[in-house]
Amino acid sequence: MDGDDEAEDDSGFVYEIPPPGSNLPVSEFQEIWAYVVADKEAAIKPGLPISDIGYFGAEVSSYGNLIDVPNRKKIRNFHGRVHLVVACNGRALSHFVLKHDSPERKALISDLIAATKDYDGLQIDFENIPPKDGEPYLSFLKELRAGLGNKMFSVALAARTKKLANDVYDYEKILPVVDRILVMAYDEHWSSSAAGPIASLAWCKKVADYSLKVIGKDKLIMGLPFYGRGWGKPNHSQAYVYTSIERIIKENNVKNIRHENGIPAFDYTATVSVKVYYEDEYSLSARMEMYKSLGVPAIGFWRLGQETPAVWSILKLANK
């Protein structure tokens, strides 16, 4: 936001951004979800206005097995719903475990259903599915839905502002299969992109508009970030060809080149300009109030332990 007090999207709609020091409204939602990572359970403080916890840590191993399922008993003092969140990292691994009729897929589905026994629901967070595996992914979700019975079934999906051709994460196709869709409305800018907000208000408005249009209010959860990110310029963590090494030595007047076990090495100090974007109670309030004005009934935060404590004083669960 760079200190501005308003933001505008392409339609000309203007959002009022509360200036630091102003009184913030209390944002009320039907459901407030928050993720917690295994071994960080202390981040769940008593009395937080949270209806649902996404318990993060279960993954799919290189062999297609379900591993690292967290022990729900570690958060027994939380009295809302707790959902087992399962991630699968890597395109090749996702393709491997989603393949039709493979023993790995059958075993994974069986293990997921069994692991959810002690939970109120299951959430699938597969973020690296190859473009051609949309149909296997959808059938995978359908098999899980059939096996979960009355357990709540949700997915975390990448943010979209419009329909994409041959989209693995096609909201319309996935919608009938699940009880909730958490739209990850963050990482508009990421570690290897140009510097920018994790989730600008104008971009979030476009994501929310499209999500409400396609998903509707009953199953939608809008995800919000608690974290920030910094970009350094120039970035010195990289590989160098020899001519670049010679240039660095000359430009930085390097005098002490040593050999460590036969390998040449040197040190030098450089000035790095770092730009940081992050979230405070004012940016979170502006985003939450925007979502509330659009009729979004539920929000979810990534993740507990990363937030400013002030955010909890401006949040309320409906009917609480």
C-alpha atoms as a PDB file:
ATOM      1  CA  MET A   1       0.000   0.000   0.000  1.00  0.00           C
ATOM      2  CA  ASP A   2       3.063   2.211   0.364  1.00  0.00           C
ATOM      3  CA  GLY A   3       1.369   4.544   2.843  1.00  0.00           C
ATOM      4  CA  ASP A   4      -1.629   5.368   0.661  1.00  0.00           C
ATOM      5  CA  ASP A   5      -5.034   5.525   2.327  1.00  0.00           C
ATOM      6  CA  GLU A   6      -7.021   3.978  -0.482  1.00  0.00           C
ATOM      7  CA  ALA A   7      -6.676   1.406  -3.258  1.00  0.00           C
ATOM      8  CA  GLU A   8      -8.535   1.124  -6.520  1.00  0.00           C
ATOM      9  CA  ASP A   9      -9.196  -1.809  -8.856  1.00  0.00           C
ATOM     10  CA  ASP A  10      -9.762  -1.720 -12.612  1.00  0.00           C
ATOM     11  CA  SER A  11     -13.492  -1.106 -12.197  1.00  0.00           C
ATOM     12  CA  GLY A  12     -12.866   2.100 -10.260  1.00  0.00           C
ATOM     13  CA  PHE A  13     -14.103   0.614  -6.975  1.00  0.00           C
ATOM     14  CA  VAL A  14     -12.224   2.321  -4.125  1.00  0.00           C
ATOM     15  CA  TYR A  15     -11.477   0.705  -0.765  1.00  0.00           C
ATOM     16  CA  GLU A  16     -10.935   2.817   2.295  1.00  0.00           C
ATOM     17  CA  ILE A  17      -7.747   1.715   4.031  1.00  0.00           C
ATOM     18  CA  PRO A  18      -7.728   2.669   7.717  1.00  0.00           C
ATOM     19  CA  PRO A  19      -4.697   4.801   8.589  1.00  0.00           C
ATOM     20  CA  PRO A  20      -2.431   3.577  11.403  1.00  0.00           C
ATOM     21  CA  GLY A  21      -3.700   4.708  14.782  1.00  0.00           C
ATOM     22  CA  SER A  22      -7.379   4.702  13.798  1.00  0.00           C
ATOM     23  CA  ASN A  23     -10.042   2.626  15.502  1.00  0.00           C
ATOM     24  CA  LEU A  24     -10.674  -0.566  13.576  1.00  0.00           C
ATOM     25  CA  PRO A  25     -14.055  -2.261  13.177  1.00  0.00           C
ATOM     26  CA  VAL A  26     -14.660  -5.764  14.468  1.00  0.00           C
ATOM     27  CA  SER A  27     -15.043  -8.093  11.471  1.00  0.00           C
ATOM     28  CA  GLU A  28     -17.581 -10.881  11.988  1.00  0.00           C
ATOM     29  CA  PHE A  29     -17.712 -14.132  10.016  1.00  0.00           C
ATOM     30  CA  GLN A  30     -19.710 -17.344  10.189  1.00  0.00           C
ATOM     31  CA  GLU A  31     -16.524 -19.415  10.110  1.00  0.00           C
ATOM     32  CA  ILE A  32     -12.925 -18.436  10.873  1.00  0.00           C
ATOM     33  CA  TRP A  33     -10.367 -21.057   9.899  1.00  0.00           C
ATOM     34  CA  ALA A  34      -6.683 -21.032  10.817  1.00  0.00           C
ATOM     35  CA  TYR A  35      -3.850 -23.394  10.039  1.00  0.00           C
ATOM     36  CA  VAL A  36      -1.447 -24.695  12.650  1.00  0.00           C
ATOM     37  CA  VAL A  37       1.718 -26.644  11.935  1.00  0.00           C
ATOM     38  CA  ALA A  38       2.666 -29.728  13.925  1.00  0.00           C
ATOM     39  CA  ASP A  39       5.098 -28.869  16.746  1.00  0.00           C
ATOM     40  CA  LYS A  40       3.745 -25.283  16.715  1.00  0.00           C
ATOM     41  CA  GLU A  41       0.565 -26.110  18.618  1.00  0.00           C
ATOM     42  CA  ALA A  42       1.382 -23.486  21.265  1.00  0.00           C
ATOM     43  CA  ALA A  43       0.235 -20.900  18.711  1.00  0.00           C
ATOM     44  CA  ILE A  44      -3.370 -21.905  19.502  1.00  0.00           C
ATOM     45  CA  LYS A  45      -4.082 -19.516  22.357  1.00  0.00           C
ATOM     46  CA  PRO A  46      -7.180 -19.949  24.557  1.00  0.00           C
ATOM     47  CA  GLY A  47     -10.171 -17.877  23.523  1.00  0.00           C
ATOM     48  CA  LEU A  48      -9.175 -17.146  19.928  1.00  0.00           C
ATOM     49  CA  PRO A  49     -12.220 -16.562  17.683  1.00  0.00           C
ATOM     50  CA  ILE A  50     -11.558 -19.625  15.527  1.00  0.00           C
ATOM     51  CA  SER A  51     -14.152 -22.158  14.420  1.00  0.00           C
ATOM     52  CA  ASP A  52     -11.877 -24.544  12.495  1.00  0.00           C
ATOM     53  CA  ILE A  53      -8.238 -25.601  12.676  1.00  0.00           C
ATOM     54  CA  GLY A  54      -6.420 -27.010   9.658  1.00  0.00           C
ATOM     55  CA  TYR A  55      -3.764 -29.246  11.227  1.00  0.00           C
ATOM     56  CA  PHE A  56      -0.807 -29.205   8.882  1.00  0.00           C
ATOM     57  CA  GLY A  57       2.034 -31.675   8.501  1.00  0.00           C
ATOM     58  CA  ALA A  58       0.803 -34.863   6.813  1.00  0.00           C
ATOM     59  CA  GLU A  59       2.489 -35.453   3.463  1.00  0.00           C
ATOM     60  CA  VAL A  60       2.843 -38.002   0.706  1.00  0.00           C
ATOM     61  CA  SER A  61       6.248 -39.680   0.677  1.00  0.00           C
ATOM     62  CA  SER A  62       8.356 -40.351  -2.421  1.00  0.00           C
ATOM     63  CA  TYR A  63       6.864 -43.843  -2.469  1.00  0.00           C
ATOM     64  CA  GLY A  64       3.264 -42.634  -2.311  1.00  0.00           C
ATOM     65  CA  ASN A  65       2.744 -43.391   1.372  1.00  0.00           C
ATOM     66  CA  LEU A  66       0.944 -41.125   3.811  1.00  0.00           C
ATOM     67  CA  ILE A  67       3.438 -39.891   6.428  1.00  0.00           C
ATOM     68  CA  ASP A  68       3.739 -37.421   9.305  1.00  0.00           C
ATOM     69  CA  VAL A  69       0.072 -37.451  10.329  1.00  0.00           C
ATOM     70  CA  PRO A  70      -0.130 -35.156  13.380  1.00  0.00           C
ATOM     71  CA  ASN A  71      -1.592 -36.394  16.632  1.00  0.00           C
ATOM     72  CA  ARG A  72      -4.891 -34.651  17.243  1.00  0.00           C
ATOM     73  CA  LYS A  73      -4.554 -35.190  20.969  1.00  0.00           C
ATOM     74  CA  LYS A  74      -1.899 -32.455  20.985  1.00  0.00           C
ATOM     75  CA  ILE A  75      -4.657 -29.875  20.437  1.00  0.00           C
ATOM     76  CA  ARG A  76      -7.346 -31.545  22.518  1.00  0.00           C
ATOM     77  CA  ASN A  77      -8.030 -28.244  24.300  1.00  0.00           C
ATOM     78  CA  PHE A  78      -9.329 -26.672  21.083  1.00  0.00           C
ATOM     79  CA  HIS A  79     -13.080 -27.233  21.020  1.00  0.00           C
ATOM     80  CA  GLY A  80     -13.861 -26.360  17.405  1.00  0.00           C
ATOM     81  CA  ARG A  81     -13.553 -28.591  14.356  1.00  0.00           C
ATOM     82  CA  VAL A  82     -10.126 -29.938  13.448  1.00  0.00           C
ATOM     83  CA  HIS A  83      -9.268 -30.939   9.890  1.00  0.00           C
ATOM     84  CA  LEU A  84      -6.349 -33.112   8.824  1.00  0.00           C
ATOM     85  CA  VAL A  85      -4.495 -31.248   6.049  1.00  0.00           C
ATOM     86  CA  VAL A  86      -2.501 -33.358   3.591  1.00  0.00           C
ATOM     87  CA  ALA A  87       0.063 -31.898   1.196  1.00  0.00           C
ATOM     88  CA  CYS A  88       1.720 -33.443  -1.828  1.00  0.00           C
ATOM     89  CA  ASN A  89       4.821 -31.639  -3.045  1.00  0.00           C
ATOM     90  CA  GLY A  90       6.172 -32.014  -6.552  1.00  0.00           C
ATOM     91  CA  ARG A  91       4.618 -32.493  -9.974  1.00  0.00           C
ATOM     92  CA  ALA A  92       6.112 -35.931 -10.586  1.00  0.00           C
ATOM     93  CA  LEU A  93       4.974 -37.179  -7.171  1.00  0.00           C
ATOM     94  CA  SER A  94       1.453 -35.837  -7.702  1.00  0.00           C
ATOM     95  CA  HIS A  95       1.250 -37.566 -11.102  1.00  0.00           C
ATOM     96  CA  PHE A  96       2.529 -40.786  -9.543  1.00  0.00           C
ATOM     97  CA  VAL A  97      -0.040 -40.989  -6.727  1.00  0.00           C
ATOM     98  CA  LEU A  98      -3.016 -39.804  -8.802  1.00  0.00           C
ATOM     99  CA  LYS A  99      -2.560 -42.374 -11.575  1.00  0.00           C
ATOM    100  CA  HIS A 100      -5.744 -44.368 -12.160  1.00  0.00           C
ATOM    101  CA  ASP A 101      -5.907 -47.879 -10.672  1.00  0.00           C
ATOM    102  CA  SER A 102      -2.366 -47.745  -9.316  1.00  0.00           C
ATOM    103  CA  PRO A 103      -1.754 -49.606  -6.041  1.00  0.00           C
ATOM    104  CA  GLU A 104      -0.196 -46.424  -4.612  1.00  0.00           C
ATOM    105  CA  ARG A 105      -3.345 -44.402  -5.263  1.00  0.00           C
ATOM    106  CA  LYS A 106      -5.583 -47.072  -3.730  1.00  0.00           C
ATOM    107  CA  ALA A 107      -3.368 -47.334  -0.668  1.00  0.00           C
ATOM    108  CA  LEU A 108      -3.192 -43.556  -0.265  1.00  0.00           C
ATOM    109  CA  ILE A 109      -6.967 -43.159  -0.411  1.00  0.00           C
ATOM    110  CA  SER A 110      -7.387 -45.937   2.135  1.00  0.00           C
ATOM    111  CA  ASP A 111      -4.769 -44.399   4.437  1.00  0.00           C
ATOM    112  CA  LEU A 112      -6.301 -40.929   4.160  1.00  0.00           C
ATOM    113  CA  ILE A 113      -9.735 -42.187   5.111  1.00  0.00           C
ATOM    114  CA  ALA A 114      -8.296 -44.145   8.046  1.00  0.00           C
ATOM    115  CA  ALA A 115      -6.168 -41.192   9.227  1.00  0.00           C
ATOM    116  CA  THR A 116      -9.211 -38.913   9.257  1.00  0.00           C
ATOM    117  CA  LYS A 117     -10.978 -41.170  11.781  1.00  0.00           C
ATOM    118  CA  ASP A 118      -9.872 -38.996  14.693  1.00  0.00           C
ATOM    119  CA  TYR A 119     -10.598 -35.731  12.860  1.00  0.00           C
ATOM    120  CA  ASP A 120     -13.700 -33.752  11.958  1.00  0.00           C
ATOM    121  CA  GLY A 121     -12.634 -33.437   8.361  1.00  0.00           C
ATOM    122  CA  LEU A 122      -9.965 -33.814   5.692  1.00  0.00           C
ATOM    123  CA  GLN A 123      -8.402 -31.135   3.509  1.00  0.00           C
ATOM    124  CA  ILE A 124      -6.414 -31.887   0.361  1.00  0.00           C
ATOM    125  CA  ASP A 125      -3.662 -29.389  -0.458  1.00  0.00           C
ATOM    126  CA  PHE A 126      -2.010 -30.678  -3.646  1.00  0.00           C
ATOM    127  CA  GLU A 127      -0.464 -27.575  -5.224  1.00  0.00           C
ATOM    128  CA  ASN A 128       1.787 -29.046  -7.921  1.00  0.00           C
ATOM    129  CA  ILE A 129      -0.467 -31.219 -10.058  1.00  0.00           C
ATOM    130  CA  PRO A 130       0.666 -31.480 -13.708  1.00  0.00           C
ATOM    131  CA  PRO A 131      -1.674 -29.795 -16.228  1.00  0.00           C
ATOM    132  CA  LYS A 132      -2.740 -33.091 -17.811  1.00  0.00           C
ATOM    133  CA  ASP A 133      -3.805 -34.664 -14.516  1.00  0.00           C
ATOM    134  CA  GLY A 134      -7.000 -32.696 -13.926  1.00  0.00           C
ATOM    135  CA  GLU A 135      -9.278 -35.688 -14.485  1.00  0.00           C
ATOM    136  CA  PRO A 136      -7.285 -38.089 -12.240  1.00  0.00           C
ATOM    137  CA  TYR A 137      -7.268 -35.409  -9.527  1.00  0.00           C
ATOM    138  CA  LEU A 138     -11.028 -34.934  -9.767  1.00  0.00           C
ATOM    139  CA  SER A 139     -11.709 -38.683  -9.614  1.00  0.00           C
ATOM    140  CA  PHE A 140      -9.306 -38.930  -6.662  1.00  0.00           C
ATOM    141  CA  LEU A 141     -11.393 -36.318  -4.836  1.00  0.00           C
ATOM    142  CA  LYS A 142     -14.594 -38.177  -5.699  1.00  0.00           C
ATOM    143  CA  GLU A 143     -13.254 -41.431  -4.258  1.00  0.00           C
ATOM    144  CA  LEU A 144     -12.262 -39.661  -1.065  1.00  0.00           C
ATOM    145  CA  ARG A 145     -15.675 -38.010  -0.810  1.00  0.00           C
ATOM    146  CA  ALA A 146     -17.367 -41.387  -1.080  1.00  0.00           C
ATOM    147  CA  GLY A 147     -15.152 -42.888   1.600  1.00  0.00           C
ATOM    148  CA  LEU A 148     -15.328 -40.085   4.142  1.00  0.00           C
ATOM    149  CA  GLY A 149     -19.022 -40.425   4.915  1.00  0.00           C
ATOM    150  CA  ASN A 150     -20.233 -37.501   7.032  1.00  0.00           C
ATOM    151  CA  LYS A 151     -16.757 -36.067   7.600  1.00  0.00           C
ATOM    152  CA  MET A 152     -16.252 -32.553   6.237  1.00  0.00           C
ATOM    153  CA  PHE A 153     -14.215 -32.620   3.028  1.00  0.00           C
ATOM    154  CA  SER A 154     -12.353 -29.530   1.825  1.00  0.00           C
ATOM    155  CA  VAL A 155      -9.667 -28.517  -0.636  1.00  0.00           C
ATOM    156  CA  ALA A 156      -7.184 -25.654  -0.738  1.00  0.00           C
ATOM    157  CA  LEU A 157      -7.016 -24.217  -4.263  1.00  0.00           C
ATOM    158  CA  ALA A 158      -4.884 -21.616  -5.993  1.00  0.00           C
ATOM    159  CA  ALA A 159      -6.394 -18.161  -6.460  1.00  0.00           C
ATOM    160  CA  ARG A 160      -8.075 -17.409  -9.779  1.00  0.00           C
ATOM    161  CA  THR A 161      -9.488 -14.195 -11.212  1.00  0.00           C
ATOM    162  CA  LYS A 162     -11.007 -15.851 -14.300  1.00  0.00           C
ATOM    163  CA  LYS A 163     -11.644 -19.254 -15.810  1.00  0.00           C
ATOM    164  CA  LEU A 164      -8.538 -20.839 -17.300  1.00  0.00           C
ATOM    165  CA  ALA A 165      -8.467 -23.341 -20.133  1.00  0.00           C
ATOM    166  CA  ASN A 166      -7.787 -26.926 -19.011  1.00  0.00           C
ATOM    167  CA  ASP A 167      -7.360 -25.822 -15.397  1.00  0.00           C
ATOM    168  CA  VAL A 168      -6.463 -28.639 -12.992  1.00  0.00           C
ATOM    169  CA  TYR A 169      -8.083 -26.588 -10.222  1.00  0.00           C
ATOM    170  CA  ASP A 170     -11.331 -25.867 -12.051  1.00  0.00           C
ATOM    171  CA  TYR A 171     -13.615 -24.474  -9.340  1.00  0.00           C
ATOM    172  CA  GLU A 172     -16.792 -25.490 -11.158  1.00  0.00           C
ATOM    173  CA  LYS A 173     -15.783 -29.139 -11.503  1.00  0.00           C
ATOM    174  CA  ILE A 174     -14.490 -29.482  -7.953  1.00  0.00           C
ATOM    175  CA  LEU A 175     -17.359 -27.628  -6.255  1.00  0.00           C
ATOM    176  CA  PRO A 176     -19.927 -30.489  -6.239  1.00  0.00           C
ATOM    177  CA  VAL A 177     -17.412 -32.916  -4.716  1.00  0.00           C
ATOM    178  CA  VAL A 178     -16.418 -30.978  -1.581  1.00  0.00           C
ATOM    179  CA  ASP A 179     -17.963 -29.202   1.390  1.00  0.00           C
ATOM    180  CA  ARG A 180     -15.585 -26.232   1.408  1.00  0.00           C
ATOM    181  CA  ILE A 181     -13.086 -24.625  -0.956  1.00  0.00           C
ATOM    182  CA  LEU A 182     -10.394 -22.504   0.652  1.00  0.00           C
ATOM    183  CA  VAL A 183      -9.119 -20.094  -1.991  1.00  0.00           C
ATOM    184  CA  MET A 184      -5.497 -19.255  -1.274  1.00  0.00           C
ATOM    185  CA  ALA A 185      -5.746 -15.534  -1.979  1.00  0.00           C
ATOM    186  CA  TYR A 186      -2.089 -14.872  -1.279  1.00  0.00           C
ATOM    187  CA  ASP A 187       1.300 -15.156  -2.992  1.00  0.00           C
ATOM    188  CA  GLU A 188       0.261 -12.636  -5.622  1.00  0.00           C
ATOM    189  CA  HIS A 189       3.977 -11.939  -5.447  1.00  0.00           C
ATOM    190  CA  TRP A 190       6.370 -14.678  -4.372  1.00  0.00           C
ATOM    191  CA  SER A 191      10.039 -15.211  -3.604  1.00  0.00           C
ATOM    192  CA  SER A 192      11.207 -15.337  -7.234  1.00  0.00           C
ATOM    193  CA  SER A 193       8.816 -12.694  -8.603  1.00  0.00           C
ATOM    194  CA  ALA A 194       9.203  -8.944  -8.629  1.00  0.00           C
ATOM    195  CA  ALA A 195       8.708  -7.345  -5.224  1.00  0.00           C
ATOM    196  CA  GLY A 196       5.102  -6.629  -4.321  1.00  0.00           C
ATOM    197  CA  PRO A 197       2.307  -7.258  -1.801  1.00  0.00           C
ATOM    198  CA  ILE A 198       1.579 -10.831  -0.761  1.00  0.00           C
ATOM    199  CA  ALA A 199      -2.061 -10.004  -1.491  1.00  0.00           C
ATOM    200  CA  SER A 200      -2.976  -6.515  -2.706  1.00  0.00           C
ATOM    201  CA  LEU A 201      -6.523  -5.364  -2.026  1.00  0.00           C
ATOM    202  CA  ALA A 202      -7.337  -4.821  -5.697  1.00  0.00           C
ATOM    203  CA  TRP A 203      -6.143  -8.325  -6.603  1.00  0.00           C
ATOM    204  CA  CYS A 204      -8.014  -9.864  -3.647  1.00  0.00           C
ATOM    205  CA  LYS A 205     -11.205  -8.123  -4.793  1.00  0.00           C
ATOM    206  CA  LYS A 206     -10.871  -9.753  -8.226  1.00  0.00           C
ATOM    207  CA  VAL A 207     -10.211 -13.159  -6.653  1.00  0.00           C
ATOM    208  CA  ALA A 208     -13.194 -12.795  -4.320  1.00  0.00           C
ATOM    209  CA  ASP A 209     -15.509 -11.633  -7.118  1.00  0.00           C
ATOM    210  CA  TYR A 210     -14.628 -14.643  -9.261  1.00  0.00           C
ATOM    211  CA  SER A 211     -14.807 -17.047  -6.309  1.00  0.00           C
ATOM    212  CA  LEU A 212     -18.238 -15.817  -5.252  1.00  0.00           C
ATOM    213  CA  LYS A 213     -19.488 -16.058  -8.819  1.00  0.00           C
ATOM    214  CA  VAL A 214     -18.312 -19.639  -9.350  1.00  0.00           C
ATOM    215  CA  ILE A 215     -18.194 -21.184  -5.867  1.00  0.00           C
ATOM    216  CA  GLY A 216     -20.919 -19.176  -4.172  1.00  0.00           C
ATOM    217  CA  LYS A 217     -21.183 -18.257  -0.510  1.00  0.00           C
ATOM    218  CA  ASP A 218     -22.092 -21.614   1.026  1.00  0.00           C
ATOM    219  CA  LYS A 219     -18.782 -23.374   0.407  1.00  0.00           C
ATOM    220  CA  LEU A 220     -16.296 -20.524   0.057  1.00  0.00           C
ATOM    221  CA  ILE A 221     -13.466 -19.723   2.472  1.00  0.00           C
ATOM    222  CA  MET A 222     -11.235 -16.803   1.490  1.00  0.00           C
ATOM    223  CA  GLY A 223      -7.654 -17.376   2.600  1.00  0.00           C
ATOM    224  CA  LEU A 224      -5.625 -14.504   4.083  1.00  0.00           C
ATOM    225  CA  PRO A 225      -1.883 -14.326   4.783  1.00  0.00           C
ATOM    226  CA  PHE A 226      -0.345 -13.595   8.153  1.00  0.00           C
ATOM    227  CA  TYR A 227       3.193 -13.568   6.769  1.00  0.00           C
ATOM    228  CA  GLY A 228       5.365 -11.083   4.909  1.00  0.00           C
ATOM    229  CA  ARG A 229       8.187 -11.392   2.420  1.00  0.00           C
ATOM    230  CA  GLY A 230      11.337  -9.495   1.568  1.00  0.00           C
ATOM    231  CA  TRP A 231      13.204  -9.061  -1.707  1.00  0.00           C
ATOM    232  CA  GLY A 232      16.905  -8.216  -1.797  1.00  0.00           C
ATOM    233  CA  LYS A 233      18.510  -6.318  -4.662  1.00  0.00           C
ATOM    234  CA  PRO A 234      20.955  -7.358  -5.894  1.00  0.00           C
ATOM    235  CA  ASN A 235      20.589 -11.028  -4.989  1.00  0.00           C
ATOM    236  CA  HIS A 236      24.048 -12.453  -4.352  1.00  0.00           C
ATOM    237  CA  SER A 237      22.936 -16.064  -3.823  1.00  0.00           C
ATOM    238  CA  GLN A 238      23.618 -17.477  -7.270  1.00  0.00           C
ATOM    239  CA  ALA A 239      26.062 -19.397  -9.433  1.00  0.00           C
ATOM    240  CA  TYR A 240      28.848 -17.529 -11.245  1.00  0.00           C
ATOM    241  CA  VAL A 241      30.877 -18.165 -14.368  1.00  0.00           C
ATOM    242  CA  TYR A 242      34.588 -17.426 -14.108  1.00  0.00           C
ATOM    243  CA  THR A 243      34.409 -14.046 -15.851  1.00  0.00           C
ATOM    244  CA  SER A 244      31.811 -12.944 -13.297  1.00  0.00           C
ATOM    245  CA  ILE A 245      34.122 -14.021 -10.481  1.00  0.00           C
ATOM    246  CA  GLU A 246      36.895 -11.904 -11.998  1.00  0.00           C
ATOM    247  CA  ARG A 247      34.518  -8.928 -12.241  1.00  0.00           C
ATOM    248  CA  ILE A 248      33.415  -9.278  -8.593  1.00  0.00           C
ATOM    249  CA  ILE A 249      37.018  -9.447  -7.423  1.00  0.00           C
ATOM    250  CA  LYS A 250      37.889  -6.294  -9.346  1.00  0.00           C
ATOM    251  CA  GLU A 251      34.737  -4.276  -8.493  1.00  0.00           C
ATOM    252  CA  ASN A 252      34.991  -5.059  -4.774  1.00  0.00           C
ATOM    253  CA  ASN A 253      38.757  -4.696  -4.543  1.00  0.00           C
ATOM    254  CA  VAL A 254      39.143  -8.194  -3.130  1.00  0.00           C
ATOM    255  CA  LYS A 255      42.710  -8.700  -1.856  1.00  0.00           C
ATOM    256  CA  ASN A 256      42.517 -11.811   0.275  1.00  0.00           C
ATOM    257  CA  ILE A 257      41.878 -14.880  -1.862  1.00  0.00           C
ATOM    258  CA  ARG A 258      42.516 -18.007   0.178  1.00  0.00           C
ATOM    259  CA  HIS A 259      42.423 -21.712  -0.617  1.00  0.00           C
ATOM    260  CA  GLU A 260      40.287 -24.008   1.515  1.00  0.00           C
ATOM    261  CA  ASN A 261      41.443 -27.583   0.969  1.00  0.00           C
ATOM    262  CA  GLY A 262      42.592 -26.581  -2.473  1.00  0.00           C
ATOM    263  CA  ILE A 263      39.449 -24.617  -3.431  1.00  0.00           C
ATOM    264  CA  PRO A 264      39.792 -20.821  -3.896  1.00  0.00           C
ATOM    265  CA  ALA A 265      37.425 -18.675  -1.844  1.00  0.00           C
ATOM    266  CA  PHE A 266      37.058 -15.073  -0.730  1.00  0.00           C
ATOM    267  CA  ASP A 267      34.722 -12.830   1.244  1.00  0.00           C
ATOM    268  CA  TYR A 268      33.453  -9.356   0.514  1.00  0.00           C
ATOM    269  CA  THR A 269      30.820  -7.030   1.912  1.00  0.00           C
ATOM    270  CA  ALA A 270      28.148  -5.519  -0.302  1.00  0.00           C
ATOM    271  CA  THR A 271      25.209  -3.192   0.247  1.00  0.00           C
ATOM    272  CA  VAL A 272      21.855  -4.839  -0.438  1.00  0.00           C
ATOM    273  CA  SER A 273      18.601  -2.949  -0.788  1.00  0.00           C
ATOM    274  CA  VAL A 274      15.744  -4.957   0.730  1.00  0.00           C
ATOM    275  CA  LYS A 275      12.038  -4.290   0.183  1.00  0.00           C
ATOM    276  CA  VAL A 276       9.582  -5.927   2.562  1.00  0.00           C
ATOM    277  CA  TYR A 277       5.821  -6.319   2.329  1.00  0.00           C
ATOM    278  CA  TYR A 278       3.960  -7.663   5.345  1.00  0.00           C
ATOM    279  CA  GLU A 279       0.569  -7.739   7.093  1.00  0.00           C
ATOM    280  CA  ASP A 280      -0.517  -5.777  10.152  1.00  0.00           C
ATOM    281  CA  GLU A 281      -3.917  -5.280  11.768  1.00  0.00           C
ATOM    282  CA  TYR A 282      -4.727  -2.407   9.406  1.00  0.00           C
ATOM    283  CA  SER A 283      -4.086  -4.289   6.177  1.00  0.00           C
ATOM    284  CA  LEU A 284      -5.845  -7.374   7.554  1.00  0.00           C
ATOM    285  CA  SER A 285      -8.804  -5.260   8.671  1.00  0.00           C
ATOM    286  CA  ALA A 286      -9.131  -3.623   5.257  1.00  0.00           C
ATOM    287  CA  ARG A 287      -9.114  -7.019   3.542  1.00  0.00           C
ATOM    288  CA  MET A 288     -11.532  -8.607   6.016  1.00  0.00           C
ATOM    289  CA  GLU A 289     -13.970  -5.706   5.810  1.00  0.00           C
ATOM    290  CA  MET A 290     -13.837  -5.845   2.021  1.00  0.00           C
ATOM    291  CA  TYR A 291     -14.641  -9.556   2.074  1.00  0.00           C
ATOM    292  CA  LYS A 292     -17.453  -8.971   4.566  1.00  0.00           C
ATOM    293  CA  SER A 293     -18.954  -6.240   2.367  1.00  0.00           C
ATOM    294  CA  LEU A 294     -18.962  -8.694  -0.563  1.00  0.00           C
ATOM    295  CA  GLY A 295     -20.863 -11.262   1.484  1.00  0.00           C
ATOM    296  CA  VAL A 296     -17.994 -13.700   2.071  1.00  0.00           C
ATOM    297  CA  PRO A 297     -19.113 -15.830   5.069  1.00  0.00           C
ATOM    298  CA  ALA A 298     -15.815 -17.519   5.968  1.00  0.00           C
ATOM    299  CA  ILE A 299     -12.117 -16.697   6.045  1.00  0.00           C
ATOM    300  CA  GLY A 300      -8.995 -18.727   6.786  1.00  0.00           C
ATOM    301  CA  PHE A 301      -5.485 -17.700   7.859  1.00  0.00           C
ATOM    302  CA  TRP A 302      -2.078 -19.100   6.942  1.00  0.00           C
ATOM    303  CA  ARG A 303      -0.850 -19.533   9.609  1.00  0.00           C
ATOM    304  CA  LEU A 304      -1.066 -19.317  13.406  1.00  0.00           C
ATOM    305  CA  GLY A 305       2.097 -18.052  15.053  1.00  0.00           C
ATOM    306  CA  GLN A 306       2.933 -15.638  12.225  1.00  0.00           C
ATOM    307  CA  GLU A 307       0.307 -12.982  13.007  1.00  0.00           C
ATOM    308  CA  THR A 308       0.247  -9.688  14.823  1.00  0.00           C
ATOM    309  CA  PRO A 309      -1.621 -10.375  18.112  1.00  0.00           C
ATOM    310  CA  ALA A 310      -3.703  -7.240  17.483  1.00  0.00           C
ATOM    311  CA  VAL A 311      -5.703  -9.018  14.793  1.00  0.00           C
ATOM    312  CA  TRP A 312      -7.628 -11.089  17.332  1.00  0.00           C
ATOM    313  CA  SER A 313      -9.194  -7.997  18.916  1.00  0.00           C
ATOM    314  CA  ILE A 314     -10.884  -7.118  15.599  1.00  0.00           C
ATOM    315  CA  LEU A 315     -12.328 -10.551  14.814  1.00  0.00           C
ATOM    316  CA  LYS A 316     -15.537 -12.188  15.928  1.00  0.00           C
ATOM    317  CA  LEU A 317     -17.372 -15.395  15.188  1.00  0.00           C
ATOM    318  CA  ALA A 318     -21.034 -14.873  14.413  1.00  0.00           C
ATOM    319  CA  ASN A 319     -23.373 -15.930  17.216  1.00  0.00           C
ATOM    320  CA  LYS A 320     -20.518 -15.953  19.717  1.00  0.00           C
END
